[in-house]
N, C-alpha and C. Protein backbone atom coordinates (compact mmCIF):
# COMPACT_ATOMS: atom_id res chain seq x y z
N UNK A 1 -16.58 3.37 -22.08
CA UNK A 1 -15.32 3.84 -21.54
C UNK A 1 -15.52 4.17 -20.10
N UNK A 2 -16.53 4.85 -19.69
CA UNK A 2 -16.87 5.27 -18.37
C UNK A 2 -17.08 4.08 -17.43
N UNK A 3 -17.73 3.08 -17.96
CA UNK A 3 -17.88 1.92 -17.31
C UNK A 3 -16.66 1.14 -16.85
N UNK A 4 -15.66 1.15 -17.76
CA UNK A 4 -14.29 0.50 -17.41
C UNK A 4 -13.64 1.30 -16.34
N UNK A 5 -13.70 2.57 -16.38
CA UNK A 5 -13.10 3.42 -15.33
C UNK A 5 -13.81 3.10 -13.99
N UNK A 6 -15.15 3.01 -13.99
CA UNK A 6 -15.87 2.72 -12.77
C UNK A 6 -15.42 1.41 -12.32
N UNK A 7 -15.36 0.37 -13.09
CA UNK A 7 -14.79 -1.02 -12.69
C UNK A 7 -13.59 -0.95 -12.06
N UNK A 8 -12.61 -0.24 -12.63
CA UNK A 8 -11.28 -0.15 -12.09
C UNK A 8 -11.28 0.58 -10.63
N UNK A 9 -12.14 1.61 -10.63
CA UNK A 9 -12.21 2.30 -9.33
C UNK A 9 -12.78 1.41 -8.23
N UNK A 10 -13.87 0.63 -8.59
CA UNK A 10 -14.37 -0.49 -7.57
C UNK A 10 -13.39 -1.41 -7.30
N UNK A 11 -12.59 -1.84 -8.27
CA UNK A 11 -11.58 -2.80 -7.96
C UNK A 11 -10.41 -2.25 -7.04
N UNK A 12 -10.05 -1.02 -7.31
CA UNK A 12 -8.99 -0.46 -6.27
C UNK A 12 -9.68 -0.34 -4.89
N UNK A 13 -10.90 0.09 -4.78
CA UNK A 13 -11.56 0.14 -3.51
C UNK A 13 -11.80 -1.12 -2.84
N UNK A 14 -11.96 -2.20 -3.58
CA UNK A 14 -12.16 -3.43 -3.01
C UNK A 14 -10.72 -4.09 -2.51
N UNK A 15 -9.75 -3.82 -3.27
CA UNK A 15 -8.42 -4.04 -2.83
C UNK A 15 -7.91 -3.24 -1.64
N UNK A 16 -8.31 -2.04 -1.54
CA UNK A 16 -7.95 -1.25 -0.45
C UNK A 16 -8.55 -1.76 0.82
N UNK A 17 -9.86 -2.19 0.73
CA UNK A 17 -10.55 -2.66 1.92
C UNK A 17 -9.88 -3.95 2.29
N UNK A 18 -9.55 -4.96 1.42
CA UNK A 18 -8.90 -6.17 1.70
C UNK A 18 -7.42 -5.85 2.44
N UNK A 19 -6.84 -4.90 1.89
CA UNK A 19 -5.49 -4.54 2.41
C UNK A 19 -5.62 -4.06 3.86
N UNK A 20 -6.68 -3.31 4.20
CA UNK A 20 -6.93 -2.78 5.52
C UNK A 20 -7.24 -3.93 6.53
N UNK A 21 -8.03 -4.85 6.03
CA UNK A 21 -8.41 -5.97 6.75
C UNK A 21 -7.24 -6.86 7.15
N UNK A 22 -6.42 -7.12 6.06
CA UNK A 22 -5.28 -7.86 6.34
C UNK A 22 -4.27 -7.19 7.26
N UNK A 23 -4.15 -5.94 7.31
CA UNK A 23 -3.30 -5.10 8.28
C UNK A 23 -3.92 -5.36 9.65
N UNK A 24 -5.21 -5.27 9.85
CA UNK A 24 -5.84 -5.35 11.09
C UNK A 24 -5.58 -6.85 11.63
N UNK A 25 -5.56 -7.84 10.75
CA UNK A 25 -5.34 -9.22 11.06
C UNK A 25 -3.87 -9.61 11.44
N UNK A 26 -2.97 -8.57 11.18
CA UNK A 26 -1.59 -8.76 11.28
C UNK A 26 -0.94 -9.42 10.15
N UNK A 27 -1.59 -9.57 9.06
CA UNK A 27 -1.08 -10.13 7.80
C UNK A 27 -0.28 -8.87 7.09
N UNK A 28 0.73 -8.41 7.68
CA UNK A 28 1.18 -7.10 7.24
C UNK A 28 1.89 -7.27 5.73
N UNK A 29 2.48 -8.30 5.38
CA UNK A 29 3.06 -8.44 4.15
C UNK A 29 2.11 -8.49 3.03
N UNK A 30 0.83 -9.22 3.26
CA UNK A 30 -0.23 -9.07 2.26
C UNK A 30 -0.79 -7.72 2.19
N UNK A 31 -0.86 -7.01 3.29
CA UNK A 31 -1.37 -5.63 3.24
C UNK A 31 -0.50 -4.87 2.41
N UNK A 32 0.90 -4.82 2.60
CA UNK A 32 1.81 -4.14 1.97
C UNK A 32 1.82 -4.27 0.43
N UNK A 33 1.83 -5.63 0.04
CA UNK A 33 1.60 -5.86 -1.48
C UNK A 33 0.27 -5.43 -1.92
N UNK A 34 -0.65 -5.41 -1.37
CA UNK A 34 -1.86 -4.95 -1.83
C UNK A 34 -1.89 -3.47 -1.97
N UNK A 35 -1.31 -2.69 -0.97
CA UNK A 35 -1.31 -1.21 -1.11
C UNK A 35 -0.35 -0.87 -2.22
N UNK A 36 0.70 -1.67 -2.34
CA UNK A 36 1.69 -1.39 -3.43
C UNK A 36 0.86 -1.72 -4.87
N UNK A 37 0.12 -2.64 -4.93
CA UNK A 37 -0.64 -2.97 -6.21
C UNK A 37 -1.53 -1.79 -6.56
N UNK A 38 -2.08 -1.24 -5.54
CA UNK A 38 -3.05 -0.10 -5.84
C UNK A 38 -2.37 1.02 -6.41
N UNK A 39 -1.17 1.44 -5.75
CA UNK A 39 -0.34 2.49 -6.29
C UNK A 39 0.12 2.18 -7.62
N UNK A 40 0.50 0.97 -7.94
CA UNK A 40 1.11 0.71 -9.21
C UNK A 40 0.07 0.79 -10.30
N UNK A 41 -1.23 0.43 -9.85
CA UNK A 41 -2.28 0.32 -10.90
C UNK A 41 -2.67 1.82 -11.34
N UNK A 42 -2.65 2.77 -10.39
CA UNK A 42 -2.98 4.18 -10.78
C UNK A 42 -2.50 5.01 -9.63
N UNK A 43 -1.33 5.50 -9.81
CA UNK A 43 -0.62 6.35 -8.73
C UNK A 43 -1.31 7.60 -8.45
N UNK A 44 -2.23 8.16 -9.31
CA UNK A 44 -2.84 9.36 -9.18
C UNK A 44 -4.30 9.18 -8.45
N UNK A 45 -4.76 8.01 -8.19
CA UNK A 45 -6.09 7.72 -7.72
C UNK A 45 -6.18 8.02 -6.20
N UNK A 46 -7.32 8.28 -5.64
CA UNK A 46 -7.62 8.50 -4.35
C UNK A 46 -7.14 7.41 -3.56
N UNK A 47 -7.38 6.08 -4.07
CA UNK A 47 -7.02 4.90 -3.40
C UNK A 47 -5.52 4.72 -3.23
N UNK A 48 -4.83 5.25 -4.26
CA UNK A 48 -3.40 5.21 -4.13
C UNK A 48 -2.80 6.15 -3.11
N UNK A 49 -3.43 7.30 -3.03
CA UNK A 49 -3.14 8.18 -1.90
C UNK A 49 -3.33 7.57 -0.54
N UNK A 50 -4.51 6.99 -0.32
CA UNK A 50 -4.77 6.25 0.93
C UNK A 50 -3.76 5.19 1.12
N UNK A 51 -3.41 4.43 0.20
CA UNK A 51 -2.41 3.38 0.28
C UNK A 51 -0.99 3.79 0.71
N UNK A 52 -0.76 5.03 0.07
CA UNK A 52 0.56 5.56 0.50
C UNK A 52 0.60 5.98 1.95
N UNK A 53 -0.60 6.45 2.47
CA UNK A 53 -0.64 6.87 3.79
C UNK A 53 -0.63 5.58 4.80
N UNK A 54 -1.25 4.62 4.40
CA UNK A 54 -1.18 3.35 5.14
C UNK A 54 0.26 2.76 5.16
N UNK A 55 0.81 2.70 3.96
CA UNK A 55 2.31 2.24 3.96
C UNK A 55 3.09 3.10 4.94
N UNK A 56 3.01 4.36 5.02
CA UNK A 56 3.60 5.32 5.91
C UNK A 56 3.36 4.91 7.29
N UNK A 57 2.08 4.60 7.62
CA UNK A 57 1.72 4.17 9.07
C UNK A 57 2.48 2.94 9.34
N UNK A 58 2.59 1.94 8.40
CA UNK A 58 3.22 0.59 8.66
C UNK A 58 4.76 0.85 8.77
N UNK A 59 5.26 1.62 8.08
CA UNK A 59 6.74 2.07 8.24
C UNK A 59 7.05 2.57 9.66
N UNK A 60 6.12 3.55 10.07
CA UNK A 60 6.23 4.18 11.51
C UNK A 60 6.08 3.10 12.56
N UNK A 61 5.14 2.19 12.32
CA UNK A 61 5.00 1.00 13.25
C UNK A 61 6.17 0.08 13.32
N UNK A 62 6.80 -0.22 12.10
CA UNK A 62 7.87 -1.07 12.07
C UNK A 62 9.01 -0.28 12.90
N UNK A 63 9.25 1.04 12.70
CA UNK A 63 10.26 1.88 13.43
C UNK A 63 9.99 1.66 14.82
N UNK A 64 8.79 1.73 15.26
CA UNK A 64 8.45 1.80 16.72
C UNK A 64 8.78 0.58 17.32
N UNK A 65 8.51 -0.57 16.44
CA UNK A 65 8.74 -1.94 17.00
C UNK A 65 10.13 -2.35 16.97
N UNK A 66 11.09 -1.48 16.52
CA UNK A 66 12.37 -1.85 16.51
C UNK A 66 12.77 -2.63 15.10
N UNK A 67 11.98 -2.55 14.13
CA UNK A 67 12.25 -3.28 12.86
C UNK A 67 12.65 -2.16 11.95
N UNK A 68 13.76 -1.69 12.33
CA UNK A 68 14.41 -0.58 11.61
C UNK A 68 14.86 -0.79 10.07
N UNK A 69 15.36 -1.97 9.70
CA UNK A 69 15.56 -2.31 8.38
C UNK A 69 14.16 -2.29 7.43
N UNK A 70 13.21 -2.92 8.04
CA UNK A 70 11.89 -2.89 7.31
C UNK A 70 11.39 -1.51 7.19
N UNK A 71 11.43 -0.73 8.30
CA UNK A 71 10.95 0.74 8.28
C UNK A 71 11.69 1.59 7.24
N UNK A 72 13.04 1.54 7.27
CA UNK A 72 13.76 2.13 6.29
C UNK A 72 13.51 1.75 4.88
N UNK A 73 13.26 0.53 4.58
CA UNK A 73 12.95 -0.01 3.28
C UNK A 73 11.61 0.62 2.80
N UNK A 74 10.77 0.63 3.66
CA UNK A 74 9.34 1.25 3.26
C UNK A 74 9.59 2.79 2.96
N UNK A 75 10.06 3.53 3.98
CA UNK A 75 10.35 4.90 3.87
C UNK A 75 11.06 5.10 2.56
N UNK A 76 12.04 4.34 2.28
CA UNK A 76 12.84 4.61 1.12
C UNK A 76 12.01 4.50 -0.17
N UNK A 77 11.26 3.42 -0.18
CA UNK A 77 10.41 3.16 -1.34
C UNK A 77 9.34 4.18 -1.52
N UNK A 78 8.76 4.75 -0.47
CA UNK A 78 7.84 5.85 -0.52
C UNK A 78 8.45 7.16 -1.02
N UNK A 79 9.64 7.31 -0.44
CA UNK A 79 10.45 8.64 -0.95
C UNK A 79 10.89 8.47 -2.38
N UNK A 80 11.06 7.42 -2.84
CA UNK A 80 11.62 7.30 -4.27
C UNK A 80 10.42 7.06 -5.20
N UNK A 81 9.19 7.08 -4.73
CA UNK A 81 8.13 6.74 -5.63
C UNK A 81 7.97 5.44 -6.09
N UNK A 82 8.52 4.45 -5.46
CA UNK A 82 8.59 3.14 -5.92
C UNK A 82 7.63 2.19 -5.11
N UNK A 83 6.81 2.72 -4.37
CA UNK A 83 5.98 1.84 -3.56
C UNK A 83 5.21 0.75 -4.30
N UNK A 84 4.99 0.95 -5.60
CA UNK A 84 4.37 -0.17 -6.40
C UNK A 84 5.27 -1.30 -6.76
N UNK A 85 6.58 -1.20 -6.60
CA UNK A 85 7.37 -2.48 -6.96
C UNK A 85 7.20 -3.49 -5.89
N UNK A 86 6.96 -4.69 -6.22
CA UNK A 86 6.63 -5.73 -5.26
C UNK A 86 7.88 -6.56 -4.62
N UNK A 87 8.79 -5.74 -4.16
CA UNK A 87 9.83 -6.46 -3.47
C UNK A 87 9.52 -6.82 -2.05
N UNK A 88 9.97 -7.95 -1.49
CA UNK A 88 9.74 -8.44 -0.13
C UNK A 88 10.51 -7.69 0.88
N UNK A 89 9.78 -7.53 1.93
CA UNK A 89 10.34 -6.75 3.12
C UNK A 89 10.99 -7.77 4.17
């Protein structure tokens, strides 16, 4: 049982690293979907907390870039606790 939990943690960590790399490369939609998948998998995990922080950073960036609708959409999902649902921005 402990081995399964460890594997799930490693999988979330790997997905988080992948999402961060996609964000650095400008593949924002892929990054958002990955962050959301982490939150959906275990909203109480450390990786989910980090994913929520990154989604908030992306929303702020969208807002600064004038992408108000996309920023609002992410802010709204985060506020409603629905960051794990895979809707497109």
